[in-house]
Amino acid sequence: MDDVDCERRMDCLDEMSDLEKQFLELKDKLFKERLNQVKVKLEEVISGKAGEYREPLATLQHNMQLRTEVAGVYRHLCLQVIKHRHECEIQGARQHLESEKTLLYDCMKTELLEKIRRLEEDEQSVDLSSEWWSDEVRTKKCKKRSHLLRPEHKKKAALVSGPYIVYMLRDIDILEDWTAIKKAKAALVPLKKKSDDRQPPSVRCEGGTLYYDGENFCKGTSVLLEVNDDSPVEAVITAVSTGEVWLRRTDGSKTKIYISQLQKGKYSIRKA
């Protein structure tokens, strides 16, 4: 390698070192400029002036307002639903109370009427026995007086032909036995009524229709409602559900009847 080549090589190395220095300077300068730009953009974002930040922020705020409005409407509807459920529960409880009160009233009325009937029968039997007793006492007194006034005479034996029965009981004993038999018969009357061989009616509800004892009843049907042995009452069916039937009587009062009550025979209905 001659001197010319060495000089050229040295010149090239010097130029390369200069270029590297310039490149490093440019690189540092570019880095500082980019860093300054990022800092400026960060300050704009923090202050809320950057366009890239304000547009998405406006979109987010709009979405937040929509979701807040939807949540408010949903809350209002939920409160209305809860309020309506509460009112329905209160109304159902009141109607159930009225129905149970009516049922209790009917049962107590039936029991009291039965007791009154028994007391009247007992009173009649007691009156009859007292009259019989007074008649017997009066007859005995008359016999005693007649015996005192009449002269003594021999009693004639009564002639009886054919088979006969001799009763060794006194009249008062027969009266007591007769009264006891009548009371026992009166006590057996309600037991016979309860022991009737009546089969329970078939009752079921399907699709808002009541199937009772071979007949169909739906909303708006006029029926005759019977409670035990009371006289039938006219009513109109207002609603039919799975386990109960609502009726409105002619006086405006409402009655709820359970399917189990129809099956047990506490209530019975038929078309008017």
C-alpha atoms as a PDB file:
ATOM      1  CA  MET A   1       0.000   0.000   0.000  1.00  0.00           C
ATOM      2  CA  ASP A   2       1.519   3.360  -1.035  1.00  0.00           C
ATOM      3  CA  ASP A   3       1.220   6.749   0.626  1.00  0.00           C
ATOM      4  CA  VAL A   4      -1.627   7.884  -1.607  1.00  0.00           C
ATOM      5  CA  ASP A   5      -3.809   5.034  -0.517  1.00  0.00           C
ATOM      6  CA  CYS A   6      -3.003   5.692   3.090  1.00  0.00           C
ATOM      7  CA  GLU A   7      -3.997   9.309   2.772  1.00  0.00           C
ATOM      8  CA  ARG A   8      -7.218   8.426   1.034  1.00  0.00           C
ATOM      9  CA  ARG A   9      -7.999   5.930   3.755  1.00  0.00           C
ATOM     10  CA  MET A  10      -7.349   8.474   6.469  1.00  0.00           C
ATOM     11  CA  ASP A  11      -9.578  10.989   4.712  1.00  0.00           C
ATOM     12  CA  CYS A  12     -12.345   8.440   4.475  1.00  0.00           C
ATOM     13  CA  LEU A  13     -12.046   7.604   8.147  1.00  0.00           C
ATOM     14  CA  ASP A  14     -12.197  11.278   9.049  1.00  0.00           C
ATOM     15  CA  GLU A  15     -15.301  11.763   6.920  1.00  0.00           C
ATOM     16  CA  MET A  16     -16.931   8.710   8.494  1.00  0.00           C
ATOM     17  CA  SER A  17     -16.227   9.977  11.985  1.00  0.00           C
ATOM     18  CA  ASP A  18     -17.674  13.366  11.032  1.00  0.00           C
ATOM     19  CA  LEU A  19     -20.767  11.708   9.618  1.00  0.00           C
ATOM     20  CA  GLU A  20     -21.188   9.637  12.769  1.00  0.00           C
ATOM     21  CA  LYS A  21     -20.951  12.735  14.916  1.00  0.00           C
ATOM     22  CA  GLN A  22     -23.508  14.532  12.772  1.00  0.00           C
ATOM     23  CA  PHE A  23     -25.806  11.511  12.914  1.00  0.00           C
ATOM     24  CA  LEU A  24     -25.564  11.347  16.681  1.00  0.00           C
ATOM     25  CA  GLU A  25     -26.249  15.060  16.954  1.00  0.00           C
ATOM     26  CA  LEU A  26     -29.270  14.761  14.668  1.00  0.00           C
ATOM     27  CA  LYS A  27     -30.478  11.759  16.628  1.00  0.00           C
ATOM     28  CA  ASP A  28     -30.222  13.612  19.941  1.00  0.00           C
ATOM     29  CA  LYS A  29     -31.921  16.626  18.456  1.00  0.00           C
ATOM     30  CA  LEU A  30     -34.762  14.503  17.046  1.00  0.00           C
ATOM     31  CA  PHE A  31     -35.199  12.725  20.376  1.00  0.00           C
ATOM     32  CA  LYS A  32     -35.405  16.020  22.232  1.00  0.00           C
ATOM     33  CA  GLU A  33     -37.921  17.397  19.736  1.00  0.00           C
ATOM     34  CA  ARG A  34     -40.091  14.275  20.026  1.00  0.00           C
ATOM     35  CA  LEU A  35     -39.829  14.415  23.802  1.00  0.00           C
ATOM     36  CA  ASN A  36     -40.872  18.058  23.795  1.00  0.00           C
ATOM     37  CA  GLN A  37     -43.840  17.230  21.536  1.00  0.00           C
ATOM     38  CA  VAL A  38     -44.932  14.424  23.857  1.00  0.00           C
ATOM     39  CA  LYS A  39     -44.655  16.711  26.882  1.00  0.00           C
ATOM     40  CA  VAL A  40     -46.688  19.401  25.152  1.00  0.00           C
ATOM     41  CA  LYS A  41     -49.356  16.843  24.150  1.00  0.00           C
ATOM     42  CA  LEU A  42     -49.435  15.509  27.714  1.00  0.00           C
ATOM     43  CA  GLU A  43     -49.959  19.006  29.075  1.00  0.00           C
ATOM     44  CA  GLU A  44     -52.788  19.548  26.579  1.00  0.00           C
ATOM     45  CA  VAL A  45     -54.388  16.247  27.623  1.00  0.00           C
ATOM     46  CA  ILE A  46     -54.074  17.175  31.296  1.00  0.00           C
ATOM     47  CA  SER A  47     -55.587  20.587  30.677  1.00  0.00           C
ATOM     48  CA  GLY A  48     -58.308  19.056  28.450  1.00  0.00           C
ATOM     49  CA  LYS A  49     -57.383  20.991  25.316  1.00  0.00           C
ATOM     50  CA  ALA A  50     -56.123  18.145  23.126  1.00  0.00           C
ATOM     51  CA  GLY A  51     -58.427  17.288  20.230  1.00  0.00           C
ATOM     52  CA  GLU A  52     -57.502  13.596  20.350  1.00  0.00           C
ATOM     53  CA  TYR A  53     -58.631  13.565  23.988  1.00  0.00           C
ATOM     54  CA  ARG A  54     -61.701  15.773  23.791  1.00  0.00           C
ATOM     55  CA  GLU A  55     -63.545  13.820  21.076  1.00  0.00           C
ATOM     56  CA  PRO A  56     -63.392  10.387  22.825  1.00  0.00           C
ATOM     57  CA  LEU A  57     -64.157  12.135  26.121  1.00  0.00           C
ATOM     58  CA  ALA A  58     -67.292  13.684  24.626  1.00  0.00           C
ATOM     59  CA  THR A  59     -68.346  10.253  23.313  1.00  0.00           C
ATOM     60  CA  LEU A  60     -67.806   8.687  26.733  1.00  0.00           C
ATOM     61  CA  GLN A  61     -69.781  11.441  28.452  1.00  0.00           C
ATOM     62  CA  HIS A  62     -72.653  10.995  25.985  1.00  0.00           C
ATOM     63  CA  ASN A  63     -72.694   7.237  26.629  1.00  0.00           C
ATOM     64  CA  MET A  64     -72.611   7.899  30.369  1.00  0.00           C
ATOM     65  CA  GLN A  65     -75.640  10.189  30.113  1.00  0.00           C
ATOM     66  CA  LEU A  66     -77.555   7.593  28.107  1.00  0.00           C
ATOM     67  CA  ARG A  67     -76.745   4.830  30.573  1.00  0.00           C
ATOM     68  CA  THR A  68     -77.684   7.106  33.487  1.00  0.00           C
ATOM     69  CA  GLU A  69     -81.049   7.888  31.888  1.00  0.00           C
ATOM     70  CA  VAL A  70     -81.677   4.194  31.168  1.00  0.00           C
ATOM     71  CA  ALA A  71     -80.762   3.296  34.756  1.00  0.00           C
ATOM     72  CA  GLY A  72     -83.155   5.970  36.057  1.00  0.00           C
ATOM     73  CA  VAL A  73     -86.018   4.672  33.905  1.00  0.00           C
ATOM     74  CA  TYR A  74     -85.249   1.087  34.958  1.00  0.00           C
ATOM     75  CA  ARG A  75     -85.212   2.121  38.622  1.00  0.00           C
ATOM     76  CA  HIS A  76     -88.567   3.884  38.227  1.00  0.00           C
ATOM     77  CA  LEU A  77     -90.108   0.831  36.556  1.00  0.00           C
ATOM     78  CA  CYS A  78     -88.726  -1.497  39.236  1.00  0.00           C
ATOM     79  CA  LEU A  79     -90.224   0.702  41.952  1.00  0.00           C
ATOM     80  CA  GLN A  80     -93.589   0.666  40.165  1.00  0.00           C
ATOM     81  CA  VAL A  81     -93.488  -3.131  39.852  1.00  0.00           C
ATOM     82  CA  ILE A  82     -92.645  -3.505  43.554  1.00  0.00           C
ATOM     83  CA  LYS A  83     -95.427  -1.079  44.472  1.00  0.00           C
ATOM     84  CA  HIS A  84     -97.961  -2.942  42.328  1.00  0.00           C
ATOM     85  CA  ARG A  85     -96.905  -6.267  43.826  1.00  0.00           C
ATOM     86  CA  HIS A  86     -97.283  -4.822  47.308  1.00  0.00           C
ATOM     87  CA  GLU A  87    -100.756  -3.514  46.485  1.00  0.00           C
ATOM     88  CA  CYS A  88    -101.713  -6.884  44.973  1.00  0.00           C
ATOM     89  CA  GLU A  89    -100.511  -8.702  48.083  1.00  0.00           C
ATOM     90  CA  ILE A  90    -102.507  -6.357  50.323  1.00  0.00           C
ATOM     91  CA  GLN A  91    -105.616  -6.724  48.162  1.00  0.00           C
ATOM     92  CA  GLY A  92    -105.233 -10.511  48.075  1.00  0.00           C
ATOM     93  CA  ALA A  93    -104.807 -10.633  51.855  1.00  0.00           C
ATOM     94  CA  ARG A  94    -107.927  -8.501  52.360  1.00  0.00           C
ATOM     95  CA  GLN A  95    -109.973 -10.604  49.962  1.00  0.00           C
ATOM     96  CA  HIS A  96    -108.736 -13.787  51.636  1.00  0.00           C
ATOM     97  CA  LEU A  97    -109.714 -12.317  55.015  1.00  0.00           C
ATOM     98  CA  GLU A  98    -113.191 -11.442  53.735  1.00  0.00           C
ATOM     99  CA  SER A  99    -113.610 -14.922  52.262  1.00  0.00           C
ATOM    100  CA  GLU A 100    -112.484 -16.602  55.474  1.00  0.00           C
ATOM    101  CA  LYS A 101    -114.772 -14.322  57.501  1.00  0.00           C
ATOM    102  CA  THR A 102    -117.702 -15.244  55.260  1.00  0.00           C
ATOM    103  CA  LEU A 103    -116.876 -18.937  55.544  1.00  0.00           C
ATOM    104  CA  LEU A 104    -116.534 -18.689  59.328  1.00  0.00           C
ATOM    105  CA  TYR A 105    -119.818 -16.774  59.535  1.00  0.00           C
ATOM    106  CA  ASP A 106    -121.611 -19.410  57.456  1.00  0.00           C
ATOM    107  CA  CYS A 107    -120.182 -22.268  59.545  1.00  0.00           C
ATOM    108  CA  MET A 108    -121.082 -20.601  62.848  1.00  0.00           C
ATOM    109  CA  LYS A 109    -124.535 -19.739  61.521  1.00  0.00           C
ATOM    110  CA  THR A 110    -125.112 -23.368  60.549  1.00  0.00           C
ATOM    111  CA  GLU A 111    -123.926 -24.624  63.938  1.00  0.00           C
ATOM    112  CA  LEU A 112    -126.073 -22.111  65.838  1.00  0.00           C
ATOM    113  CA  LEU A 113    -129.156 -22.968  63.774  1.00  0.00           C
ATOM    114  CA  GLU A 114    -128.567 -26.653  64.507  1.00  0.00           C
ATOM    115  CA  LYS A 115    -128.223 -25.914  68.236  1.00  0.00           C
ATOM    116  CA  ILE A 116    -131.402 -23.797  68.167  1.00  0.00           C
ATOM    117  CA  ARG A 117    -133.278 -26.626  66.453  1.00  0.00           C
ATOM    118  CA  ARG A 118    -132.094 -29.123  69.063  1.00  0.00           C
ATOM    119  CA  LEU A 119    -132.999 -26.770  71.911  1.00  0.00           C
ATOM    120  CA  GLU A 120    -136.473 -26.272  70.433  1.00  0.00           C
ATOM    121  CA  GLU A 121    -136.955 -30.040  70.205  1.00  0.00           C
ATOM    122  CA  ASP A 122    -135.733 -30.457  73.789  1.00  0.00           C
ATOM    123  CA  GLU A 123    -138.054 -27.662  74.909  1.00  0.00           C
ATOM    124  CA  GLN A 124    -141.021 -29.315  73.216  1.00  0.00           C
ATOM    125  CA  SER A 125    -140.203 -32.660  74.801  1.00  0.00           C
ATOM    126  CA  VAL A 126    -139.784 -31.033  78.234  1.00  0.00           C
ATOM    127  CA  ASP A 127    -143.081 -29.157  77.860  1.00  0.00           C
ATOM    128  CA  LEU A 128    -144.828 -32.338  76.845  1.00  0.00           C
ATOM    129  CA  SER A 129    -143.362 -34.285  79.774  1.00  0.00           C
ATOM    130  CA  SER A 130    -144.304 -31.510  82.209  1.00  0.00           C
ATOM    131  CA  GLU A 131    -147.870 -31.476  80.871  1.00  0.00           C
ATOM    132  CA  TRP A 132    -148.030 -35.245  81.137  1.00  0.00           C
ATOM    133  CA  TRP A 133    -146.653 -35.095  84.685  1.00  0.00           C
ATOM    134  CA  SER A 134    -149.202 -32.455  85.737  1.00  0.00           C
ATOM    135  CA  ASP A 135    -152.025 -34.473  84.149  1.00  0.00           C
ATOM    136  CA  GLU A 136    -150.875 -37.602  85.976  1.00  0.00           C
ATOM    137  CA  VAL A 137    -150.658 -35.788  89.329  1.00  0.00           C
ATOM    138  CA  ARG A 138    -154.082 -34.246  88.786  1.00  0.00           C
ATOM    139  CA  THR A 139    -155.516 -37.668  87.880  1.00  0.00           C
ATOM    140  CA  LYS A 140    -154.025 -39.260  90.993  1.00  0.00           C
ATOM    141  CA  LYS A 141    -155.481 -36.528  93.209  1.00  0.00           C
ATOM    142  CA  CYS A 142    -158.894 -36.992  91.646  1.00  0.00           C
ATOM    143  CA  LYS A 143    -158.652 -40.762  92.173  1.00  0.00           C
ATOM    144  CA  LYS A 144    -157.736 -40.275  95.829  1.00  0.00           C
ATOM    145  CA  ARG A 145    -160.698 -37.972  96.364  1.00  0.00           C
ATOM    146  CA  SER A 146    -163.067 -40.362  94.621  1.00  0.00           C
ATOM    147  CA  HIS A 147    -161.760 -43.261  96.732  1.00  0.00           C
ATOM    148  CA  LEU A 148    -162.345 -41.272  99.888  1.00  0.00           C
ATOM    149  CA  LEU A 149    -165.899 -40.397  98.886  1.00  0.00           C
ATOM    150  CA  ARG A 150    -166.893 -43.836  97.524  1.00  0.00           C
ATOM    151  CA  PRO A 151    -167.756 -46.719  99.783  1.00  0.00           C
ATOM    152  CA  GLU A 152    -165.421 -49.654  99.820  1.00  0.00           C
ATOM    153  CA  HIS A 153    -166.039 -52.240  97.122  1.00  0.00           C
ATOM    154  CA  LYS A 154    -164.142 -55.108  95.646  1.00  0.00           C
ATOM    155  CA  LYS A 155    -162.176 -54.646  92.441  1.00  0.00           C
ATOM    156  CA  LYS A 156    -163.259 -56.791  89.566  1.00  0.00           C
ATOM    157  CA  ALA A 157    -160.577 -58.572  87.595  1.00  0.00           C
ATOM    158  CA  ALA A 158    -160.352 -57.470  83.984  1.00  0.00           C
ATOM    159  CA  LEU A 159    -161.155 -60.199  81.517  1.00  0.00           C
ATOM    160  CA  VAL A 160    -158.693 -60.426  78.621  1.00  0.00           C
ATOM    161  CA  SER A 161    -159.050 -62.833  75.756  1.00  0.00           C
ATOM    162  CA  GLY A 162    -156.271 -63.931  73.473  1.00  0.00           C
ATOM    163  CA  PRO A 163    -152.538 -63.081  73.720  1.00  0.00           C
ATOM    164  CA  TYR A 164    -151.757 -59.952  75.699  1.00  0.00           C
ATOM    165  CA  ILE A 165    -148.768 -57.984  77.116  1.00  0.00           C
ATOM    166  CA  VAL A 166    -148.662 -56.728  80.666  1.00  0.00           C
ATOM    167  CA  TYR A 167    -146.666 -53.496  81.157  1.00  0.00           C
ATOM    168  CA  MET A 168    -145.098 -53.290  84.597  1.00  0.00           C
ATOM    169  CA  LEU A 169    -143.867 -49.687  84.134  1.00  0.00           C
ATOM    170  CA  ARG A 170    -145.518 -46.606  85.495  1.00  0.00           C
ATOM    171  CA  ASP A 171    -146.644 -43.801  83.220  1.00  0.00           C
ATOM    172  CA  ILE A 172    -143.826 -41.505  84.352  1.00  0.00           C
ATOM    173  CA  ASP A 173    -141.243 -44.208  83.517  1.00  0.00           C
ATOM    174  CA  ILE A 174    -142.715 -44.651  80.050  1.00  0.00           C
ATOM    175  CA  LEU A 175    -142.623 -40.874  79.541  1.00  0.00           C
ATOM    176  CA  GLU A 176    -138.945 -40.693  80.544  1.00  0.00           C
ATOM    177  CA  ASP A 177    -138.069 -43.545  78.177  1.00  0.00           C
ATOM    178  CA  TRP A 178    -139.985 -41.902  75.360  1.00  0.00           C
ATOM    179  CA  THR A 179    -138.186 -38.564  75.947  1.00  0.00           C
ATOM    180  CA  ALA A 180    -134.775 -40.297  75.936  1.00  0.00           C
ATOM    181  CA  ILE A 181    -135.617 -42.104  72.677  1.00  0.00           C
ATOM    182  CA  LYS A 182    -136.690 -38.833  71.035  1.00  0.00           C
ATOM    183  CA  LYS A 183    -133.472 -37.079  72.111  1.00  0.00           C
ATOM    184  CA  ALA A 184    -131.385 -39.957  70.759  1.00  0.00           C
ATOM    185  CA  LYS A 185    -133.210 -39.811  67.426  1.00  0.00           C
ATOM    186  CA  ALA A 186    -132.682 -36.030  67.233  1.00  0.00           C
ATOM    187  CA  ALA A 187    -128.957 -36.507  67.901  1.00  0.00           C
ATOM    188  CA  LEU A 188    -128.704 -39.118  65.129  1.00  0.00           C
ATOM    189  CA  VAL A 189    -130.267 -36.865  62.460  1.00  0.00           C
ATOM    190  CA  PRO A 190    -127.123 -34.737  61.754  1.00  0.00           C
ATOM    191  CA  LEU A 191    -124.982 -37.880  61.833  1.00  0.00           C
ATOM    192  CA  LYS A 192    -127.178 -39.431  59.159  1.00  0.00           C
ATOM    193  CA  LYS A 193    -126.891 -36.293  57.061  1.00  0.00           C
ATOM    194  CA  LYS A 194    -123.106 -36.378  57.290  1.00  0.00           C
ATOM    195  CA  SER A 195    -122.952 -40.087  56.486  1.00  0.00           C
ATOM    196  CA  ASP A 196    -124.790 -39.766  53.163  1.00  0.00           C
ATOM    197  CA  ASP A 197    -123.142 -41.817  50.440  1.00  0.00           C
ATOM    198  CA  ARG A 198    -122.653 -38.877  48.129  1.00  0.00           C
ATOM    199  CA  GLN A 199    -119.539 -39.026  46.016  1.00  0.00           C
ATOM    200  CA  PRO A 200    -117.483 -35.797  45.958  1.00  0.00           C
ATOM    201  CA  PRO A 201    -117.891 -33.856  42.706  1.00  0.00           C
ATOM    202  CA  SER A 202    -115.059 -33.775  40.197  1.00  0.00           C
ATOM    203  CA  VAL A 203    -113.449 -30.312  40.174  1.00  0.00           C
ATOM    204  CA  ARG A 204    -110.544 -29.016  38.082  1.00  0.00           C
ATOM    205  CA  CYS A 205    -109.348 -25.799  36.428  1.00  0.00           C
ATOM    206  CA  GLU A 206    -107.742 -25.648  32.996  1.00  0.00           C
ATOM    207  CA  GLY A 207    -107.062 -22.621  30.816  1.00  0.00           C
ATOM    208  CA  GLY A 208    -109.254 -20.229  32.809  1.00  0.00           C
ATOM    209  CA  THR A 209    -112.244 -22.634  32.776  1.00  0.00           C
ATOM    210  CA  LEU A 210    -113.714 -24.400  35.814  1.00  0.00           C
ATOM    211  CA  TYR A 211    -114.965 -27.955  35.266  1.00  0.00           C
ATOM    212  CA  TYR A 212    -117.353 -28.756  38.118  1.00  0.00           C
ATOM    213  CA  ASP A 213    -119.521 -31.864  38.264  1.00  0.00           C
ATOM    214  CA  GLY A 214    -119.681 -32.243  34.479  1.00  0.00           C
ATOM    215  CA  GLU A 215    -120.373 -28.549  33.737  1.00  0.00           C
ATOM    216  CA  ASN A 216    -118.103 -25.800  32.389  1.00  0.00           C
ATOM    217  CA  PHE A 217    -117.847 -22.408  34.094  1.00  0.00           C
ATOM    218  CA  CYS A 218    -115.789 -19.476  32.831  1.00  0.00           C
ATOM    219  CA  LYS A 219    -115.444 -15.754  33.521  1.00  0.00           C
ATOM    220  CA  GLY A 220    -118.793 -13.934  33.288  1.00  0.00           C
ATOM    221  CA  THR A 221    -120.956 -17.023  33.920  1.00  0.00           C
ATOM    222  CA  SER A 222    -123.979 -16.440  36.181  1.00  0.00           C
ATOM    223  CA  VAL A 223    -124.220 -19.124  38.868  1.00  0.00           C
ATOM    224  CA  LEU A 224    -126.141 -20.015  42.019  1.00  0.00           C
ATOM    225  CA  LEU A 225    -123.826 -20.332  45.026  1.00  0.00           C
ATOM    226  CA  GLU A 226    -124.877 -22.655  47.849  1.00  0.00           C
ATOM    227  CA  VAL A 227    -123.153 -22.735  51.254  1.00  0.00           C
ATOM    228  CA  ASN A 228    -123.984 -25.942  53.162  1.00  0.00           C
ATOM    229  CA  ASP A 229    -127.785 -25.993  53.629  1.00  0.00           C
ATOM    230  CA  ASP A 230    -128.407 -22.246  53.182  1.00  0.00           C
ATOM    231  CA  SER A 231    -130.518 -20.869  50.383  1.00  0.00           C
ATOM    232  CA  PRO A 232    -128.636 -20.335  47.086  1.00  0.00           C
ATOM    233  CA  VAL A 233    -127.287 -16.881  46.240  1.00  0.00           C
ATOM    234  CA  GLU A 234    -126.907 -15.461  42.751  1.00  0.00           C
ATOM    235  CA  ALA A 235    -123.353 -14.525  41.742  1.00  0.00           C
ATOM    236  CA  VAL A 236    -121.164 -13.953  38.686  1.00  0.00           C
ATOM    237  CA  ILE A 237    -117.739 -15.520  38.153  1.00  0.00           C
ATOM    238  CA  THR A 238    -115.130 -12.757  37.808  1.00  0.00           C
ATOM    239  CA  ALA A 239    -111.908 -14.801  37.654  1.00  0.00           C
ATOM    240  CA  VAL A 240    -110.787 -18.444  37.466  1.00  0.00           C
ATOM    241  CA  SER A 241    -107.235 -19.442  38.403  1.00  0.00           C
ATOM    242  CA  THR A 242    -105.481 -22.729  39.102  1.00  0.00           C
ATOM    243  CA  GLY A 243    -106.532 -23.107  42.730  1.00  0.00           C
ATOM    244  CA  GLU A 244    -109.350 -20.611  43.322  1.00  0.00           C
ATOM    245  CA  VAL A 245    -112.461 -18.998  41.844  1.00  0.00           C
ATOM    246  CA  TRP A 246    -113.597 -15.398  42.430  1.00  0.00           C
ATOM    247  CA  LEU A 247    -117.306 -14.528  42.436  1.00  0.00           C
ATOM    248  CA  ARG A 248    -119.205 -11.258  42.768  1.00  0.00           C
ATOM    249  CA  ARG A 249    -122.558 -11.467  44.521  1.00  0.00           C
ATOM    250  CA  THR A 250    -125.616  -9.377  43.713  1.00  0.00           C
ATOM    251  CA  ASP A 251    -124.938  -7.105  46.709  1.00  0.00           C
ATOM    252  CA  GLY A 252    -121.491  -6.220  45.292  1.00  0.00           C
ATOM    253  CA  SER A 253    -119.429  -8.281  47.753  1.00  0.00           C
ATOM    254  CA  LYS A 254    -116.715 -10.573  46.418  1.00  0.00           C
ATOM    255  CA  THR A 255    -116.133 -14.171  47.474  1.00  0.00           C
ATOM    256  CA  LYS A 256    -113.088 -16.357  46.871  1.00  0.00           C
ATOM    257  CA  ILE A 257    -113.687 -20.117  46.758  1.00  0.00           C
ATOM    258  CA  TYR A 258    -110.843 -22.609  46.804  1.00  0.00           C
ATOM    259  CA  ILE A 259    -110.960 -25.741  44.674  1.00  0.00           C
ATOM    260  CA  SER A 260    -110.507 -27.834  47.829  1.00  0.00           C
ATOM    261  CA  GLN A 261    -113.687 -26.291  49.309  1.00  0.00           C
ATOM    262  CA  LEU A 262    -115.658 -27.295  46.213  1.00  0.00           C
ATOM    263  CA  GLN A 263    -114.216 -30.813  46.410  1.00  0.00           C
ATOM    264  CA  LYS A 264    -115.110 -31.145  50.110  1.00  0.00           C
ATOM    265  CA  GLY A 265    -118.656 -29.890  49.498  1.00  0.00           C
ATOM    266  CA  LYS A 266    -118.452 -26.745  51.634  1.00  0.00           C
ATOM    267  CA  TYR A 267    -119.550 -24.792  48.565  1.00  0.00           C
ATOM    268  CA  SER A 268    -121.534 -25.898  45.539  1.00  0.00           C
ATOM    269  CA  ILE A 269    -122.374 -24.003  42.375  1.00  0.00           C
ATOM    270  CA  ARG A 270    -124.678 -24.500  39.446  1.00  0.00           C
ATOM    271  CA  LYS A 271    -125.619 -22.431  36.446  1.00  0.00           C
ATOM    272  CA  ALA A 272    -128.383 -19.919  37.008  1.00  0.00           C
END
